[in-house]
C-alpha cells in the first residue's frame, strides 16, 4: 500500500533578516526577513537597515553609527547559517532585487525550482512542501537567496540622517496611527536623544516599547500602520 504524504505549508518571511546572526560589522542583517511584527520592528530600528549614498555626510565617521560595511561575503555566510544545511550548492548571483520586489521574485524562484509558492497579503512567502522534502526546500531557498539577494544597502547600519527620517515618521505617522488603534506608545524622546541612543546603543526606543502589542492582530496593525517609512523615503530611489 502506497504511503500517503501530507503536504504542509511553509512560511518564508520577508522583511529583513532580523533573523540572522550578527555580522562582525555590527548590526544584525539577514537573508529572508520575517513578516512584520512589533518585535521585529523594534529590533529593526536598532539593527537592520540600509545606507543610501544620499543619506548622511561622508565627512562624519560616526554617520553610520560606527559600523563597518556589510559585504557580500557577510551575506553569503549569513545565508548559509540560516539555511540549516551542512553543505551548500554552488550558486551564482543573478541580480540584486529591491525590497518591494523581493517577495514576488522569491516566490517565482521557488516555484520554478519545484516548490509552488505564493506571496501573502502580509508580504510573507508561503511555500507548499511535503515532510520528506525539508532538505530540498532548504537548498531551494538558499539558491534563491543567493541568485536574487536584496540590495546590500538594506543590510547596512542606519545613518544619522536615516534615523532622523525614522524619528519623524514615528512622530508624524506611526504613533498617531497606533494610538488611533488604541495602543499606548509612551513618551517619545527628543530627536537627538533618540538618534544618539541608537548610534551608541545606550538608549534605544521604539513606539512599541510600552504598547500592548498582543491586543491588535499583527497583520492588521502592519497593514494600517506600517512600522517603517516607505523604502523610497528611507533608502532613496
C-alpha atoms as a PDB file:
ATOM      1  CA  UNK A   1       0.000   0.000   0.000  1.00  0.00           C
ATOM      2  CA  UNK A   2       1.421   3.358  -1.015  1.00  0.00           C
ATOM      3  CA  UNK A   3       2.196   5.704   1.861  1.00  0.00           C
ATOM      4  CA  UNK A   4       0.255   8.952   1.775  1.00  0.00           C
ATOM      5  CA  UNK A   5       2.404  12.039   2.244  1.00  0.00           C
ATOM      6  CA  UNK A   6       0.635  15.035   3.744  1.00  0.00           C
ATOM      7  CA  UNK A   7       1.672  18.366   2.216  1.00  0.00           C
ATOM      8  CA  UNK A   8       2.472  21.235   4.514  1.00  0.00           C
ATOM      9  CA  UNK A   9       2.694  24.977   4.150  1.00  0.00           C
ATOM     10  CA  UNK A  10       5.996  26.619   4.949  1.00  0.00           C
ATOM     11  CA  UNK A  11       6.101  30.349   5.555  1.00  0.00           C
ATOM     12  CA  UNK A  12       9.202  32.120   4.358  1.00  0.00           C
ATOM     13  CA  UNK A  13       9.236  35.522   5.988  1.00  0.00           C
ATOM     14  CA  UNK A  14      10.019  38.629   4.097  1.00  0.00           C
ATOM     15  CA  UNK A  15      11.084  41.675   5.847  1.00  0.00           C
ATOM     16  CA  UNK A  16      14.834  41.737   6.868  1.00  0.00           C
ATOM     17  CA  UNK A  17      16.502  39.267   8.249  1.00  0.00           C
ATOM     18  CA  UNK A  18      16.153  40.273  11.783  1.00  0.00           C
ATOM     19  CA  UNK A  19      16.828  36.780  11.808  1.00  0.00           C
ATOM     20  CA  UNK A  20      20.391  36.071  11.074  1.00  0.00           C
ATOM     21  CA  UNK A  21      23.450  36.056  13.210  1.00  0.00           C
ATOM     22  CA  UNK A  22      25.076  39.403  13.787  1.00  0.00           C
ATOM     23  CA  UNK A  23      27.796  40.159  11.304  1.00  0.00           C
ATOM     24  CA  UNK A  24      31.167  41.239  12.580  1.00  0.00           C
ATOM     25  CA  UNK A  25      30.462  44.741  11.316  1.00  0.00           C
ATOM     26  CA  UNK A  26      27.811  45.358  13.939  1.00  0.00           C
ATOM     27  CA  UNK A  27      24.054  45.143  13.327  1.00  0.00           C
ATOM     28  CA  UNK A  28      22.013  42.088  12.543  1.00  0.00           C
ATOM     29  CA  UNK A  29      21.358  41.520   8.896  1.00  0.00           C
ATOM     30  CA  UNK A  30      19.538  38.859   7.089  1.00  0.00           C
ATOM     31  CA  UNK A  31      18.701  36.731   4.178  1.00  0.00           C
ATOM     32  CA  UNK A  32      14.948  36.340   4.476  1.00  0.00           C
ATOM     33  CA  UNK A  33      13.480  38.785   6.869  1.00  0.00           C
ATOM     34  CA  UNK A  34      10.482  37.829   8.952  1.00  0.00           C
ATOM     35  CA  UNK A  35       6.997  39.050   8.309  1.00  0.00           C
ATOM     36  CA  UNK A  36       6.472  42.406  10.011  1.00  0.00           C
ATOM     37  CA  UNK A  37       5.772  42.263  13.715  1.00  0.00           C
ATOM     38  CA  UNK A  38       6.156  44.638  16.612  1.00  0.00           C
ATOM     39  CA  UNK A  39       9.058  42.573  17.944  1.00  0.00           C
ATOM     40  CA  UNK A  40      10.794  42.516  14.593  1.00  0.00           C
ATOM     41  CA  UNK A  41      10.152  46.203  14.103  1.00  0.00           C
ATOM     42  CA  UNK A  42      11.679  47.058  17.443  1.00  0.00           C
ATOM     43  CA  UNK A  43      14.752  45.057  16.535  1.00  0.00           C
ATOM     44  CA  UNK A  44      14.913  46.610  13.083  1.00  0.00           C
ATOM     45  CA  UNK A  45      15.288  50.089  14.480  1.00  0.00           C
ATOM     46  CA  UNK A  46      18.467  49.026  16.209  1.00  0.00           C
ATOM     47  CA  UNK A  47      19.807  46.581  13.683  1.00  0.00           C
ATOM     48  CA  UNK A  48      18.896  46.053  10.088  1.00  0.00           C
ATOM     49  CA  UNK A  49      18.811  48.973   7.722  1.00  0.00           C
ATOM     50  CA  UNK A  50      20.183  50.458   4.527  1.00  0.00           C
ATOM     51  CA  UNK A  51      22.545  53.291   3.838  1.00  0.00           C
ATOM     52  CA  UNK A  52      21.828  55.147   0.595  1.00  0.00           C
ATOM     53  CA  UNK A  53      24.572  57.301  -0.813  1.00  0.00           C
ATOM     54  CA  UNK A  54      22.387  60.375  -0.351  1.00  0.00           C
ATOM     55  CA  UNK A  55      21.933  59.872   3.386  1.00  0.00           C
ATOM     56  CA  UNK A  56      24.412  61.380   5.777  1.00  0.00           C
ATOM     57  CA  UNK A  57      27.754  63.077   5.413  1.00  0.00           C
ATOM     58  CA  UNK A  58      30.830  61.174   4.268  1.00  0.00           C
ATOM     59  CA  UNK A  59      32.861  63.527   6.465  1.00  0.00           C
ATOM     60  CA  UNK A  60      31.229  62.205   9.622  1.00  0.00           C
ATOM     61  CA  UNK A  61      32.911  58.933  10.668  1.00  0.00           C
ATOM     62  CA  UNK A  62      30.006  58.167  13.004  1.00  0.00           C
ATOM     63  CA  UNK A  63      27.337  58.882  10.408  1.00  0.00           C
ATOM     64  CA  UNK A  64      26.502  55.186  10.113  1.00  0.00           C
ATOM     65  CA  UNK A  65      26.789  54.521  13.820  1.00  0.00           C
ATOM     66  CA  UNK A  66      30.394  53.438  13.514  1.00  0.00           C
ATOM     67  CA  UNK A  67      29.548  50.118  11.830  1.00  0.00           C
ATOM     68  CA  UNK A  68      31.651  48.694   9.056  1.00  0.00           C
ATOM     69  CA  UNK A  69      30.196  47.940   5.646  1.00  0.00           C
ATOM     70  CA  UNK A  70      28.082  44.800   5.340  1.00  0.00           C
ATOM     71  CA  UNK A  71      29.634  42.867   2.448  1.00  0.00           C
ATOM     72  CA  UNK A  72      28.613  40.161   0.016  1.00  0.00           C
ATOM     73  CA  UNK A  73      30.741  37.648   1.946  1.00  0.00           C
ATOM     74  CA  UNK A  74      28.847  38.577   5.118  1.00  0.00           C
ATOM     75  CA  UNK A  75      25.572  37.983   3.286  1.00  0.00           C
ATOM     76  CA  UNK A  76      26.605  34.559   1.966  1.00  0.00           C
ATOM     77  CA  UNK A  77      27.808  33.421   5.388  1.00  0.00           C
ATOM     78  CA  UNK A  78      24.508  34.531   6.926  1.00  0.00           C
ATOM     79  CA  UNK A  79      22.529  32.744   4.207  1.00  0.00           C
ATOM     80  CA  UNK A  80      24.475  29.552   4.796  1.00  0.00           C
ATOM     81  CA  UNK A  81      23.893  29.710   8.532  1.00  0.00           C
ATOM     82  CA  UNK A  82      20.190  30.408   8.111  1.00  0.00           C
ATOM     83  CA  UNK A  83      19.763  27.524   5.654  1.00  0.00           C
ATOM     84  CA  UNK A  84      20.476  24.880   8.303  1.00  0.00           C
ATOM     85  CA  UNK A  85      22.426  22.896   5.715  1.00  0.00           C
ATOM     86  CA  UNK A  86      25.831  21.309   6.257  1.00  0.00           C
ATOM     87  CA  UNK A  87      26.915  21.883   2.659  1.00  0.00           C
ATOM     88  CA  UNK A  88      25.646  24.254   0.009  1.00  0.00           C
ATOM     89  CA  UNK A  89      25.174  24.082  -3.752  1.00  0.00           C
ATOM     90  CA  UNK A  90      27.333  26.266  -5.980  1.00  0.00           C
ATOM     91  CA  UNK A  91      25.138  29.227  -6.871  1.00  0.00           C
ATOM     92  CA  UNK A  92      25.845  32.333  -8.953  1.00  0.00           C
ATOM     93  CA  UNK A  93      24.200  35.638  -8.169  1.00  0.00           C
ATOM     94  CA  UNK A  94      21.873  36.734 -10.969  1.00  0.00           C
ATOM     95  CA  UNK A  95      20.961  40.209  -9.735  1.00  0.00           C
ATOM     96  CA  UNK A  96      20.148  42.260  -6.684  1.00  0.00           C
ATOM     97  CA  UNK A  97      16.470  42.975  -6.030  1.00  0.00           C
ATOM     98  CA  UNK A  98      14.683  45.794  -4.274  1.00  0.00           C
ATOM     99  CA  UNK A  99      12.789  45.479  -1.007  1.00  0.00           C
ATOM    100  CA  UNK A 100       9.490  45.878  -2.857  1.00  0.00           C
ATOM    101  CA  UNK A 101      10.067  43.147  -5.448  1.00  0.00           C
ATOM    102  CA  UNK A 102      11.826  40.626  -3.209  1.00  0.00           C
ATOM    103  CA  UNK A 103       8.796  38.553  -2.185  1.00  0.00           C
ATOM    104  CA  UNK A 104       7.491  38.126  -5.733  1.00  0.00           C
ATOM    105  CA  UNK A 105      10.937  37.250  -7.043  1.00  0.00           C
ATOM    106  CA  UNK A 106      11.491  34.733  -4.232  1.00  0.00           C
ATOM    107  CA  UNK A 107       8.106  33.102  -4.780  1.00  0.00           C
ATOM    108  CA  UNK A 108       8.700  32.731  -8.524  1.00  0.00           C
ATOM    109  CA  UNK A 109      12.204  31.360  -7.966  1.00  0.00           C
ATOM    110  CA  UNK A 110      10.954  28.715  -5.520  1.00  0.00           C
ATOM    111  CA  UNK A 111       8.084  27.808  -7.837  1.00  0.00           C
ATOM    112  CA  UNK A 112      10.497  27.397 -10.746  1.00  0.00           C
ATOM    113  CA  UNK A 113      12.580  25.059  -8.574  1.00  0.00           C
ATOM    114  CA  UNK A 114       9.582  22.829  -7.897  1.00  0.00           C
ATOM    115  CA  UNK A 115       8.155  24.354  -4.716  1.00  0.00           C
ATOM    116  CA  UNK A 116       4.903  26.195  -5.564  1.00  0.00           C
ATOM    117  CA  UNK A 117       4.923  29.472  -3.639  1.00  0.00           C
ATOM    118  CA  UNK A 118       2.687  32.489  -3.288  1.00  0.00           C
ATOM    119  CA  UNK A 119       3.007  35.924  -1.702  1.00  0.00           C
ATOM    120  CA  UNK A 120       0.540  36.570   1.118  1.00  0.00           C
ATOM    121  CA  UNK A 121      -1.088  39.887   1.978  1.00  0.00           C
ATOM    122  CA  UNK A 122       1.379  40.444   4.833  1.00  0.00           C
ATOM    123  CA  UNK A 123       4.343  40.099   2.477  1.00  0.00           C
ATOM    124  CA  UNK A 124       5.379  36.612   3.568  1.00  0.00           C
ATOM    125  CA  UNK A 125       6.076  33.848   1.058  1.00  0.00           C
ATOM    126  CA  UNK A 126       4.007  30.691   1.530  1.00  0.00           C
ATOM    127  CA  UNK A 127       5.512  27.511   0.111  1.00  0.00           C
ATOM    128  CA  UNK A 128       3.861  24.113  -0.332  1.00  0.00           C
ATOM    129  CA  UNK A 129       6.131  21.199   0.530  1.00  0.00           C
ATOM    130  CA  UNK A 130       5.997  17.693   1.956  1.00  0.00           C
ATOM    131  CA  UNK A 131       7.692  16.380   5.071  1.00  0.00           C
ATOM    132  CA  UNK A 132      10.368  14.411   3.267  1.00  0.00           C
ATOM    133  CA  UNK A 133      11.443  17.430   1.200  1.00  0.00           C
ATOM    134  CA  UNK A 134      12.716  19.650   4.002  1.00  0.00           C
ATOM    135  CA  UNK A 135      16.344  19.489   2.872  1.00  0.00           C
ATOM    136  CA  UNK A 136      15.429  20.000  -0.771  1.00  0.00           C
ATOM    137  CA  UNK A 137      13.347  23.046   0.185  1.00  0.00           C
ATOM    138  CA  UNK A 138      16.219  24.415   2.269  1.00  0.00           C
ATOM    139  CA  UNK A 139      18.537  24.063  -0.721  1.00  0.00           C
ATOM    140  CA  UNK A 140      16.000  25.741  -2.995  1.00  0.00           C
ATOM    141  CA  UNK A 141      15.512  28.616  -0.561  1.00  0.00           C
ATOM    142  CA  UNK A 142      19.278  29.075  -0.243  1.00  0.00           C
ATOM    143  CA  UNK A 143      19.652  29.000  -4.016  1.00  0.00           C
ATOM    144  CA  UNK A 144      17.017  31.702  -4.479  1.00  0.00           C
ATOM    145  CA  UNK A 145      18.563  33.826  -1.731  1.00  0.00           C
ATOM    146  CA  UNK A 146      21.930  33.785  -3.493  1.00  0.00           C
ATOM    147  CA  UNK A 147      20.551  34.203  -7.008  1.00  0.00           C
ATOM    148  CA  UNK A 148      18.273  37.102  -6.060  1.00  0.00           C
ATOM    149  CA  UNK A 149      19.577  38.784  -2.901  1.00  0.00           C
ATOM    150  CA  UNK A 150      18.208  42.053  -1.604  1.00  0.00           C
ATOM    151  CA  UNK A 151      20.395  45.011  -2.416  1.00  0.00           C
ATOM    152  CA  UNK A 152      23.066  45.135   0.287  1.00  0.00           C
ATOM    153  CA  UNK A 153      22.168  48.710   1.149  1.00  0.00           C
ATOM    154  CA  UNK A 154      19.214  47.240   3.059  1.00  0.00           C
ATOM    155  CA  UNK A 155      21.643  45.491   5.402  1.00  0.00           C
ATOM    156  CA  UNK A 156      23.854  48.450   6.276  1.00  0.00           C
ATOM    157  CA  UNK A 157      23.668  50.284   9.573  1.00  0.00           C
ATOM    158  CA  UNK A 158      21.311  53.244   9.608  1.00  0.00           C
ATOM    159  CA  UNK A 159      22.967  56.611   9.147  1.00  0.00           C
ATOM    160  CA  UNK A 160      22.105  59.508  11.426  1.00  0.00           C
ATOM    161  CA  UNK A 161      20.179  61.058   8.558  1.00  0.00           C
ATOM    162  CA  UNK A 162      18.094  57.906   8.202  1.00  0.00           C
ATOM    163  CA  UNK A 163      17.494  57.759  11.940  1.00  0.00           C
ATOM    164  CA  UNK A 164      16.098  61.283  11.789  1.00  0.00           C
ATOM    165  CA  UNK A 165      13.815  60.217   8.944  1.00  0.00           C
ATOM    166  CA  UNK A 166      12.601  57.296  11.074  1.00  0.00           C
ATOM    167  CA  UNK A 167      12.140  59.569  14.098  1.00  0.00           C
ATOM    168  CA  UNK A 168       9.960  61.961  12.086  1.00  0.00           C
ATOM    169  CA  UNK A 169       7.949  59.060  10.698  1.00  0.00           C
ATOM    170  CA  UNK A 170       7.354  57.712  14.201  1.00  0.00           C
ATOM    171  CA  UNK A 171       6.251  61.155  15.406  1.00  0.00           C
ATOM    172  CA  UNK A 172       4.053  62.183  12.492  1.00  0.00           C
ATOM    173  CA  UNK A 173       2.693  58.885  11.173  1.00  0.00           C
ATOM    174  CA  UNK A 174       3.222  55.745  13.232  1.00  0.00           C
ATOM    175  CA  UNK A 175       2.494  56.991  16.749  1.00  0.00           C
ATOM    176  CA  UNK A 176      -0.806  58.723  15.851  1.00  0.00           C
ATOM    177  CA  UNK A 177      -1.843  55.652  13.852  1.00  0.00           C
ATOM    178  CA  UNK A 178      -1.100  53.241  16.705  1.00  0.00           C
ATOM    179  CA  UNK A 179      -2.903  55.491  19.169  1.00  0.00           C
ATOM    180  CA  UNK A 180      -5.948  55.517  16.900  1.00  0.00           C
ATOM    181  CA  UNK A 181      -5.919  51.727  17.199  1.00  0.00           C
ATOM    182  CA  UNK A 182      -5.996  52.087  20.978  1.00  0.00           C
ATOM    183  CA  UNK A 183      -2.346  51.261  21.660  1.00  0.00           C
ATOM    184  CA  UNK A 184      -0.313  53.162  24.246  1.00  0.00           C
ATOM    185  CA  UNK A 185       3.023  54.245  22.763  1.00  0.00           C
ATOM    186  CA  UNK A 186       4.630  56.045  25.686  1.00  0.00           C
ATOM    187  CA  UNK A 187       6.604  59.287  25.571  1.00  0.00           C
ATOM    188  CA  UNK A 188       8.803  59.747  22.514  1.00  0.00           C
ATOM    189  CA  UNK A 189      12.274  61.046  23.439  1.00  0.00           C
ATOM    190  CA  UNK A 190      13.795  64.096  21.799  1.00  0.00           C
ATOM    191  CA  UNK A 191      15.241  63.613  18.326  1.00  0.00           C
ATOM    192  CA  UNK A 192      18.844  63.942  19.492  1.00  0.00           C
ATOM    193  CA  UNK A 193      18.281  61.559  22.400  1.00  0.00           C
ATOM    194  CA  UNK A 194      16.734  59.038  20.033  1.00  0.00           C
ATOM    195  CA  UNK A 195      19.485  59.301  17.401  1.00  0.00           C
ATOM    196  CA  UNK A 196      22.365  59.169  19.861  1.00  0.00           C
ATOM    197  CA  UNK A 197      20.719  56.361  21.799  1.00  0.00           C
ATOM    198  CA  UNK A 198      20.521  54.202  18.670  1.00  0.00           C
ATOM    199  CA  UNK A 199      24.009  55.087  17.434  1.00  0.00           C
ATOM    200  CA  UNK A 200      25.663  54.366  20.777  1.00  0.00           C
ATOM    201  CA  UNK A 201      23.377  51.502  21.768  1.00  0.00           C
ATOM    202  CA  UNK A 202      22.711  53.075  25.139  1.00  0.00           C
ATOM    203  CA  UNK A 203      19.063  54.173  24.944  1.00  0.00           C
ATOM    204  CA  UNK A 204      17.172  52.511  22.120  1.00  0.00           C
ATOM    205  CA  UNK A 205      13.478  53.365  21.862  1.00  0.00           C
ATOM    206  CA  UNK A 206      10.551  52.391  19.649  1.00  0.00           C
ATOM    207  CA  UNK A 207       6.829  53.239  19.761  1.00  0.00           C
ATOM    208  CA  UNK A 208       6.191  49.602  20.669  1.00  0.00           C
ATOM    209  CA  UNK A 209       8.117  49.653  23.952  1.00  0.00           C
ATOM    210  CA  UNK A 210       5.026  50.397  26.084  1.00  0.00           C
ATOM    211  CA  UNK A 211       2.385  49.105  23.688  1.00  0.00           C
ATOM    212  CA  UNK A 212       0.162  46.108  24.383  1.00  0.00           C
ATOM    213  CA  UNK A 213       1.041  44.621  21.013  1.00  0.00           C
ATOM    214  CA  UNK A 214      -0.951  41.442  21.644  1.00  0.00           C
ATOM    215  CA  UNK A 215      -4.159  43.464  21.625  1.00  0.00           C
ATOM    216  CA  UNK A 216      -4.081  44.029  17.866  1.00  0.00           C
ATOM    217  CA  UNK A 217      -3.686  41.470  15.088  1.00  0.00           C
ATOM    218  CA  UNK A 218      -0.162  41.752  13.678  1.00  0.00           C
ATOM    219  CA  UNK A 219      -1.180  41.667  10.018  1.00  0.00           C
ATOM    220  CA  UNK A 220      -3.958  44.192  10.507  1.00  0.00           C
ATOM    221  CA  UNK A 221      -1.705  46.509  12.505  1.00  0.00           C
ATOM    222  CA  UNK A 222       1.075  46.417   9.952  1.00  0.00           C
ATOM    223  CA  UNK A 223      -1.391  46.999   7.136  1.00  0.00           C
ATOM    224  CA  UNK A 224      -2.966  50.012   8.852  1.00  0.00           C
ATOM    225  CA  UNK A 225       0.203  51.357  10.466  1.00  0.00           C
ATOM    226  CA  UNK A 226       3.379  50.380   8.574  1.00  0.00           C
ATOM    227  CA  UNK A 227       6.202  50.100  11.069  1.00  0.00           C
ATOM    228  CA  UNK A 228       8.773  51.932   8.947  1.00  0.00           C
ATOM    229  CA  UNK A 229       8.661  54.759   6.383  1.00  0.00           C
ATOM    230  CA  UNK A 230       8.450  53.867   2.669  1.00  0.00           C
ATOM    231  CA  UNK A 231      11.710  52.493   1.328  1.00  0.00           C
ATOM    232  CA  UNK A 232      11.982  55.219  -1.301  1.00  0.00           C
ATOM    233  CA  UNK A 233      11.937  57.767   1.517  1.00  0.00           C
ATOM    234  CA  UNK A 234      14.381  55.922   3.746  1.00  0.00           C
ATOM    235  CA  UNK A 235      16.679  54.399   1.130  1.00  0.00           C
ATOM    236  CA  UNK A 236      16.322  56.695  -1.838  1.00  0.00           C
ATOM    237  CA  UNK A 237      15.404  55.637  -5.358  1.00  0.00           C
END
